[in-house]
Amino acid sequence: MKTFYKKAKLITEAEARYIIAHGTASSSEWVVVQYMDQWFDIRGMTKSEITDHIENLDRKLASDLAAGIENPH
């Protein structure tokens, strides 16, 4: 698993909507990511870091599903 120097910050949906509505600066065109029921502030991340972060979330979900921790429904 990769280590991130600039981690995405877990935020609430309300915070995500505020960030989106106010067009705050980002190094890419993306400012927030929603993954399942979680929202992340990704303004400080490059596209490559964002991709790696989402892939990490996918791996964690697959691991949790395999372990019976997460329900797919």
PDB file of N, CA and C in Angstrom:
ATOM      1  N   MET A   1       0.832  -1.172   0.000  1.00  0.00           N
ATOM      2  CA  MET A   1       0.000   0.000   0.000  1.00  0.00           C
ATOM      3  C   MET A   1       0.887   1.249   0.000  1.00  0.00           C
ATOM      4  N   LYS A   2       0.488   2.259  -0.776  1.00  0.00           N
ATOM      5  CA  LYS A   2       1.288   3.468  -0.898  1.00  0.00           C
ATOM      6  C   LYS A   2       1.033   4.409   0.276  1.00  0.00           C
ATOM      7  N   THR A   3       2.016   5.214   0.580  1.00  0.00           N
ATOM      8  CA  THR A   3       1.897   6.233   1.608  1.00  0.00           C
ATOM      9  C   THR A   3       1.677   7.567   0.926  1.00  0.00           C
ATOM     10  N   PHE A   4       0.772   8.359   1.447  1.00  0.00           N
ATOM     11  CA  PHE A   4       0.488   9.660   0.863  1.00  0.00           C
ATOM     12  C   PHE A   4       1.076  10.758   1.736  1.00  0.00           C
ATOM     13  N   TYR A   5       1.733  11.713   1.100  1.00  0.00           N
ATOM     14  CA  TYR A   5       2.270  12.858   1.818  1.00  0.00           C
ATOM     15  C   TYR A   5       1.217  13.945   1.955  1.00  0.00           C
ATOM     16  N   LYS A   6       0.287  13.958   0.998  1.00  0.00           N
ATOM     17  CA  LYS A   6      -0.830  14.899   1.042  1.00  0.00           C
ATOM     18  C   LYS A   6      -2.098  14.070   1.089  1.00  0.00           C
ATOM     19  N   LYS A   7      -2.610  13.827   2.246  1.00  0.00           N
ATOM     20  CA  LYS A   7      -3.797  12.988   2.364  1.00  0.00           C
ATOM     21  C   LYS A   7      -5.060  13.794   2.106  1.00  0.00           C
ATOM     22  N   ALA A   8      -6.035  13.098   1.563  1.00  0.00           N
ATOM     23  CA  ALA A   8      -7.348  13.706   1.406  1.00  0.00           C
ATOM     24  C   ALA A   8      -7.958  13.855   2.793  1.00  0.00           C
ATOM     25  N   LYS A   9      -8.604  14.976   3.006  1.00  0.00           N
ATOM     26  CA  LYS A   9      -9.217  15.248   4.310  1.00  0.00           C
ATOM     27  C   LYS A   9     -10.673  14.799   4.264  1.00  0.00           C
ATOM     28  N   LEU A  10     -11.061  13.940   5.204  1.00  0.00           N
ATOM     29  CA  LEU A  10     -12.440  13.493   5.321  1.00  0.00           C
ATOM     30  C   LEU A  10     -13.291  14.670   5.796  1.00  0.00           C
ATOM     31  N   ILE A  11     -14.360  14.966   5.051  1.00  0.00           N
ATOM     32  CA  ILE A  11     -15.231  16.099   5.376  1.00  0.00           C
ATOM     33  C   ILE A  11     -16.693  15.644   5.341  1.00  0.00           C
ATOM     34  N   THR A  12     -17.579  16.518   5.770  1.00  0.00           N
ATOM     35  CA  THR A  12     -19.009  16.220   5.724  1.00  0.00           C
ATOM     36  C   THR A  12     -19.558  16.591   4.344  1.00  0.00           C
ATOM     37  N   GLU A  13     -20.747  16.103   4.059  1.00  0.00           N
ATOM     38  CA  GLU A  13     -21.392  16.453   2.786  1.00  0.00           C
ATOM     39  C   GLU A  13     -21.646  17.955   2.711  1.00  0.00           C
ATOM     40  N   ALA A  14     -22.034  18.560   3.824  1.00  0.00           N
ATOM     41  CA  ALA A  14     -22.279  20.011   3.851  1.00  0.00           C
ATOM     42  C   ALA A  14     -21.001  20.785   3.526  1.00  0.00           C
ATOM     43  N   GLU A  15     -19.873  20.355   4.087  1.00  0.00           N
ATOM     44  CA  GLU A  15     -18.595  21.009   3.773  1.00  0.00           C
ATOM     45  C   GLU A  15     -18.249  20.837   2.297  1.00  0.00           C
ATOM     46  N   ALA A  16     -18.511  19.639   1.758  1.00  0.00           N
ATOM     47  CA  ALA A  16     -18.232  19.380   0.342  1.00  0.00           C
ATOM     48  C   ALA A  16     -19.063  20.302  -0.542  1.00  0.00           C
ATOM     49  N   ARG A  17     -20.326  20.442  -0.225  1.00  0.00           N
ATOM     50  CA  ARG A  17     -21.204  21.309  -1.020  1.00  0.00           C
ATOM     51  C   ARG A  17     -20.749  22.770  -0.952  1.00  0.00           C
ATOM     52  N   TYR A  18     -20.263  23.193   0.208  1.00  0.00           N
ATOM     53  CA  TYR A  18     -19.747  24.557   0.351  1.00  0.00           C
ATOM     54  C   TYR A  18     -18.512  24.752  -0.527  1.00  0.00           C
ATOM     55  N   ILE A  19     -17.595  23.796  -0.476  1.00  0.00           N
ATOM     56  CA  ILE A  19     -16.369  23.888  -1.277  1.00  0.00           C
ATOM     57  C   ILE A  19     -16.711  23.941  -2.764  1.00  0.00           C
ATOM     58  N   ILE A  20     -17.625  23.082  -3.187  1.00  0.00           N
ATOM     59  CA  ILE A  20     -18.037  23.044  -4.595  1.00  0.00           C
ATOM     60  C   ILE A  20     -18.685  24.367  -4.999  1.00  0.00           C
ATOM     61  N   ALA A  21     -19.575  24.882  -4.171  1.00  0.00           N
ATOM     62  CA  ALA A  21     -20.320  26.102  -4.485  1.00  0.00           C
ATOM     63  C   ALA A  21     -19.440  27.342  -4.546  1.00  0.00           C
ATOM     64  N   HIS A  22     -18.375  27.354  -3.762  1.00  0.00           N
ATOM     65  CA  HIS A  22     -17.547  28.548  -3.697  1.00  0.00           C
ATOM     66  C   HIS A  22     -16.298  28.477  -4.560  1.00  0.00           C
ATOM     67  N   GLY A  23     -16.158  27.424  -5.338  1.00  0.00           N
ATOM     68  CA  GLY A  23     -15.079  27.329  -6.317  1.00  0.00           C
ATOM     69  C   GLY A  23     -13.693  27.602  -5.774  1.00  0.00           C
ATOM     70  N   THR A  24     -13.378  27.057  -4.650  1.00  0.00           N
ATOM     71  CA  THR A  24     -12.071  27.285  -4.049  1.00  0.00           C
ATOM     72  C   THR A  24     -10.960  26.676  -4.902  1.00  0.00           C
ATOM     73  N   ALA A  25      -9.780  27.231  -4.815  1.00  0.00           N
ATOM     74  CA  ALA A  25      -8.653  26.849  -5.663  1.00  0.00           C
ATOM     75  C   ALA A  25      -8.209  25.413  -5.430  1.00  0.00           C
ATOM     76  N   SER A  26      -7.787  24.782  -6.535  1.00  0.00           N
ATOM     77  CA  SER A  26      -7.294  23.411  -6.490  1.00  0.00           C
ATOM     78  C   SER A  26      -6.199  23.259  -7.535  1.00  0.00           C
ATOM     79  N   SER A  27      -5.273  22.319  -7.297  1.00  0.00           N
ATOM     80  CA  SER A  27      -4.208  22.075  -8.273  1.00  0.00           C
ATOM     81  C   SER A  27      -4.724  21.279  -9.469  1.00  0.00           C
ATOM     82  N   SER A  28      -5.922  20.717  -9.365  1.00  0.00           N
ATOM     83  CA  SER A  28      -6.573  20.055 -10.497  1.00  0.00           C
ATOM     84  C   SER A  28      -7.984  20.627 -10.602  1.00  0.00           C
ATOM     85  N   GLU A  29      -8.762  20.151 -11.557  1.00  0.00           N
ATOM     86  CA  GLU A  29     -10.131  20.672 -11.667  1.00  0.00           C
ATOM     87  C   GLU A  29     -11.050  20.100 -10.602  1.00  0.00           C
ATOM     88  N   TRP A  30     -10.594  19.072  -9.887  1.00  0.00           N
ATOM     89  CA  TRP A  30     -11.399  18.438  -8.842  1.00  0.00           C
ATOM     90  C   TRP A  30     -11.113  19.076  -7.487  1.00  0.00           C
ATOM     91  N   VAL A  31     -12.162  19.237  -6.688  1.00  0.00           N
ATOM     92  CA  VAL A  31     -11.983  19.800  -5.348  1.00  0.00           C
ATOM     93  C   VAL A  31     -12.448  18.853  -4.254  1.00  0.00           C
ATOM     94  N   VAL A  32     -13.455  18.013  -4.560  1.00  0.00           N
ATOM     95  CA  VAL A  32     -13.926  17.018  -3.600  1.00  0.00           C
ATOM     96  C   VAL A  32     -14.203  15.707  -4.330  1.00  0.00           C
ATOM     97  N   VAL A  33     -14.147  14.617  -3.571  1.00  0.00           N
ATOM     98  CA  VAL A  33     -14.486  13.293  -4.086  1.00  0.00           C
ATOM     99  C   VAL A  33     -15.461  12.668  -3.112  1.00  0.00           C
ATOM    100  N   GLN A  34     -16.537  12.070  -3.657  1.00  0.00           N
ATOM    101  CA  GLN A  34     -17.444  11.283  -2.840  1.00  0.00           C
ATOM    102  C   GLN A  34     -17.158   9.821  -3.125  1.00  0.00           C
ATOM    103  N   TYR A  35     -16.940   9.061  -2.067  1.00  0.00           N
ATOM    104  CA  TYR A  35     -16.719   7.627  -2.191  1.00  0.00           C
ATOM    105  C   TYR A  35     -17.652   6.947  -1.214  1.00  0.00           C
ATOM    106  N   MET A  36     -18.631   6.210  -1.786  1.00  0.00           N
ATOM    107  CA  MET A  36     -19.687   5.600  -0.977  1.00  0.00           C
ATOM    108  C   MET A  36     -20.373   6.731  -0.205  1.00  0.00           C
ATOM    109  N   ASP A  37     -20.383   6.687   1.117  1.00  0.00           N
ATOM    110  CA  ASP A  37     -21.022   7.748   1.899  1.00  0.00           C
ATOM    111  C   ASP A  37     -20.007   8.702   2.519  1.00  0.00           C
ATOM    112  N   GLN A  38     -18.784   8.693   2.017  1.00  0.00           N
ATOM    113  CA  GLN A  38     -17.732   9.562   2.545  1.00  0.00           C
ATOM    114  C   GLN A  38     -17.367  10.638   1.521  1.00  0.00           C
ATOM    115  N   TRP A  39     -17.037  11.806   2.028  1.00  0.00           N
ATOM    116  CA  TRP A  39     -16.601  12.930   1.198  1.00  0.00           C
ATOM    117  C   TRP A  39     -15.178  13.298   1.599  1.00  0.00           C
ATOM    118  N   PHE A  40     -14.351  13.657   0.605  1.00  0.00           N
ATOM    119  CA  PHE A  40     -12.961  14.008   0.849  1.00  0.00           C
ATOM    120  C   PHE A  40     -12.619  15.331   0.165  1.00  0.00           C
ATOM    121  N   ASP A  41     -11.938  16.204   0.894  1.00  0.00           N
ATOM    122  CA  ASP A  41     -11.382  17.435   0.344  1.00  0.00           C
ATOM    123  C   ASP A  41     -10.049  17.059  -0.298  1.00  0.00           C
ATOM    124  N   ILE A  42      -9.942  17.206  -1.617  1.00  0.00           N
ATOM    125  CA  ILE A  42      -8.746  16.771  -2.337  1.00  0.00           C
ATOM    126  C   ILE A  42      -8.027  17.936  -3.018  1.00  0.00           C
ATOM    127  N   ARG A  43      -8.293  19.146  -2.575  1.00  0.00           N
ATOM    128  CA  ARG A  43      -7.718  20.325  -3.236  1.00  0.00           C
ATOM    129  C   ARG A  43      -6.202  20.345  -3.235  1.00  0.00           C
ATOM    130  N   GLY A  44      -5.569  19.759  -2.248  1.00  0.00           N
ATOM    131  CA  GLY A  44      -4.113  19.796  -2.178  1.00  0.00           C
ATOM    132  C   GLY A  44      -3.424  18.634  -2.866  1.00  0.00           C
ATOM    133  N   MET A  45      -4.176  17.845  -3.615  1.00  0.00           N
ATOM    134  CA  MET A  45      -3.613  16.626  -4.203  1.00  0.00           C
ATOM    135  C   MET A  45      -3.517  16.749  -5.725  1.00  0.00           C
ATOM    136  N   THR A  46      -2.527  16.068  -6.290  1.00  0.00           N
ATOM    137  CA  THR A  46      -2.403  16.001  -7.743  1.00  0.00           C
ATOM    138  C   THR A  46      -3.364  14.940  -8.271  1.00  0.00           C
ATOM    139  N   LYS A  47      -3.566  14.917  -9.595  1.00  0.00           N
ATOM    140  CA  LYS A  47      -4.445  13.901 -10.181  1.00  0.00           C
ATOM    141  C   LYS A  47      -3.936  12.499  -9.882  1.00  0.00           C
ATOM    142  N   SER A  48      -2.638  12.317  -9.918  1.00  0.00           N
ATOM    143  CA  SER A  48      -2.051  11.008  -9.623  1.00  0.00           C
ATOM    144  C   SER A  48      -2.324  10.607  -8.172  1.00  0.00           C
ATOM    145  N   GLU A  49      -2.181  11.540  -7.253  1.00  0.00           N
ATOM    146  CA  GLU A  49      -2.458  11.250  -5.843  1.00  0.00           C
ATOM    147  C   GLU A  49      -3.936  10.945  -5.620  1.00  0.00           C
ATOM    148  N   ILE A  50      -4.806  11.656  -6.344  1.00  0.00           N
ATOM    149  CA  ILE A  50      -6.241  11.409  -6.232  1.00  0.00           C
ATOM    150  C   ILE A  50      -6.564   9.995  -6.716  1.00  0.00           C
ATOM    151  N   THR A  51      -6.004   9.623  -7.855  1.00  0.00           N
ATOM    152  CA  THR A  51      -6.208   8.282  -8.399  1.00  0.00           C
ATOM    153  C   THR A  51      -5.723   7.231  -7.409  1.00  0.00           C
ATOM    154  N   ASP A  52      -4.537   7.423  -6.856  1.00  0.00           N
ATOM    155  CA  ASP A  52      -3.995   6.480  -5.867  1.00  0.00           C
ATOM    156  C   ASP A  52      -4.892   6.391  -4.638  1.00  0.00           C
ATOM    157  N   HIS A  53      -5.412   7.537  -4.200  1.00  0.00           N
ATOM    158  CA  HIS A  53      -6.286   7.568  -3.018  1.00  0.00           C
ATOM    159  C   HIS A  53      -7.557   6.748  -3.281  1.00  0.00           C
ATOM    160  N   ILE A  54      -8.176   6.942  -4.441  1.00  0.00           N
ATOM    161  CA  ILE A  54      -9.402   6.215  -4.770  1.00  0.00           C
ATOM    162  C   ILE A  54      -9.119   4.721  -4.904  1.00  0.00           C
ATOM    163  N   GLU A  55      -7.990   4.372  -5.505  1.00  0.00           N
ATOM    164  CA  GLU A  55      -7.612   2.956  -5.608  1.00  0.00           C
ATOM    165  C   GLU A  55      -7.408   2.345  -4.221  1.00  0.00           C
ATOM    166  N   ASN A  56      -6.833   3.106  -3.300  1.00  0.00           N
ATOM    167  CA  ASN A  56      -6.672   2.641  -1.912  1.00  0.00           C
ATOM    168  C   ASN A  56      -8.029   2.388  -1.267  1.00  0.00           C
ATOM    169  N   LEU A  57      -8.979   3.295  -1.486  1.00  0.00           N
ATOM    170  CA  LEU A  57     -10.322   3.121  -0.943  1.00  0.00           C
ATOM    171  C   LEU A  57     -10.972   1.862  -1.524  1.00  0.00           C
ATOM    172  N   ASP A  58     -10.772   1.630  -2.834  1.00  0.00           N
ATOM    173  CA  ASP A  58     -11.309   0.415  -3.470  1.00  0.00           C
ATOM    174  C   ASP A  58     -10.712  -0.842  -2.855  1.00  0.00           C
ATOM    175  N   ARG A  59      -9.396  -0.827  -2.620  1.00  0.00           N
ATOM    176  CA  ARG A  59      -8.742  -1.997  -2.017  1.00  0.00           C
ATOM    177  C   ARG A  59      -9.250  -2.250  -0.607  1.00  0.00           C
ATOM    178  N   LYS A  60      -9.440  -1.181   0.163  1.00  0.00           N
ATOM    179  CA  LYS A  60      -9.943  -1.336   1.530  1.00  0.00           C
ATOM    180  C   LYS A  60     -11.353  -1.901   1.510  1.00  0.00           C
ATOM    181  N   LEU A  61     -12.204  -1.399   0.617  1.00  0.00           N
ATOM    182  CA  LEU A  61     -13.568  -1.909   0.517  1.00  0.00           C
ATOM    183  C   LEU A  61     -13.558  -3.385   0.139  1.00  0.00           C
ATOM    184  N   ALA A  62     -12.753  -3.770  -0.848  1.00  0.00           N
ATOM    185  CA  ALA A  62     -12.667  -5.181  -1.260  1.00  0.00           C
ATOM    186  C   ALA A  62     -12.202  -6.050  -0.101  1.00  0.00           C
ATOM    187  N   SER A  63     -11.236  -5.571   0.657  1.00  0.00           N
ATOM    188  CA  SER A  63     -10.727  -6.307   1.812  1.00  0.00           C
ATOM    189  C   SER A  63     -11.808  -6.458   2.875  1.00  0.00           C
ATOM    190  N   ASP A  64     -12.543  -5.379   3.144  1.00  0.00           N
ATOM    191  CA  ASP A  64     -13.620  -5.416   4.129  1.00  0.00           C
ATOM    192  C   ASP A  64     -14.746  -6.353   3.690  1.00  0.00           C
ATOM    193  N   LEU A  65     -15.069  -6.339   2.399  1.00  0.00           N
ATOM    194  CA  LEU A  65     -16.107  -7.245   1.882  1.00  0.00           C
ATOM    195  C   LEU A  65     -15.668  -8.697   2.039  1.00  0.00           C
ATOM    196  N   ALA A  66     -14.415  -8.978   1.703  1.00  0.00           N
ATOM    197  CA  ALA A  66     -13.893 -10.342   1.815  1.00  0.00           C
ATOM    198  C   ALA A  66     -13.879 -10.820   3.264  1.00  0.00           C
ATOM    199  N   ALA A  67     -13.640  -9.898   4.188  1.00  0.00           N
ATOM    200  CA  ALA A  67     -13.587 -10.244   5.609  1.00  0.00           C
ATOM    201  C   ALA A  67     -14.973 -10.264   6.254  1.00  0.00           C
ATOM    202  N   GLY A  68     -15.987  -9.861   5.497  1.00  0.00           N
ATOM    203  CA  GLY A  68     -17.342  -9.824   6.043  1.00  0.00           C
ATOM    204  C   GLY A  68     -17.613  -8.620   6.904  1.00  0.00           C
ATOM    205  N   ILE A  69     -16.725  -7.627   6.868  1.00  0.00           N
ATOM    206  CA  ILE A  69     -16.888  -6.420   7.683  1.00  0.00           C
ATOM    207  C   ILE A  69     -17.893  -5.466   7.050  1.00  0.00           C
ATOM    208  N   GLU A  70     -17.883  -5.391   5.737  1.00  0.00           N
ATOM    209  CA  GLU A  70     -18.728  -4.471   4.985  1.00  0.00           C
ATOM    210  C   GLU A  70     -19.812  -5.252   4.263  1.00  0.00           C
ATOM    211  N   ASN A  71     -21.012  -4.694   4.214  1.00  0.00           N
ATOM    212  CA  ASN A  71     -22.126  -5.294   3.485  1.00  0.00           C
ATOM    213  C   ASN A  71     -22.236  -4.583   2.139  1.00  0.00           C
ATOM    214  N   PRO A  72     -22.278  -5.308   1.026  1.00  0.00           N
ATOM    215  CA  PRO A  72     -22.317  -4.649  -0.270  1.00  0.00           C
ATOM    216  C   PRO A  72     -23.629  -3.924  -0.574  1.00  0.00           C
ATOM    217  N   HIS A  73     -24.641  -4.082   0.273  1.00  0.00           N
ATOM    218  CA  HIS A  73     -25.930  -3.444   0.011  1.00  0.00           C
ATOM    219  C   HIS A  73     -26.096  -2.289   0.886  1.00  0.00           C
TER     220      HIS A  73
END
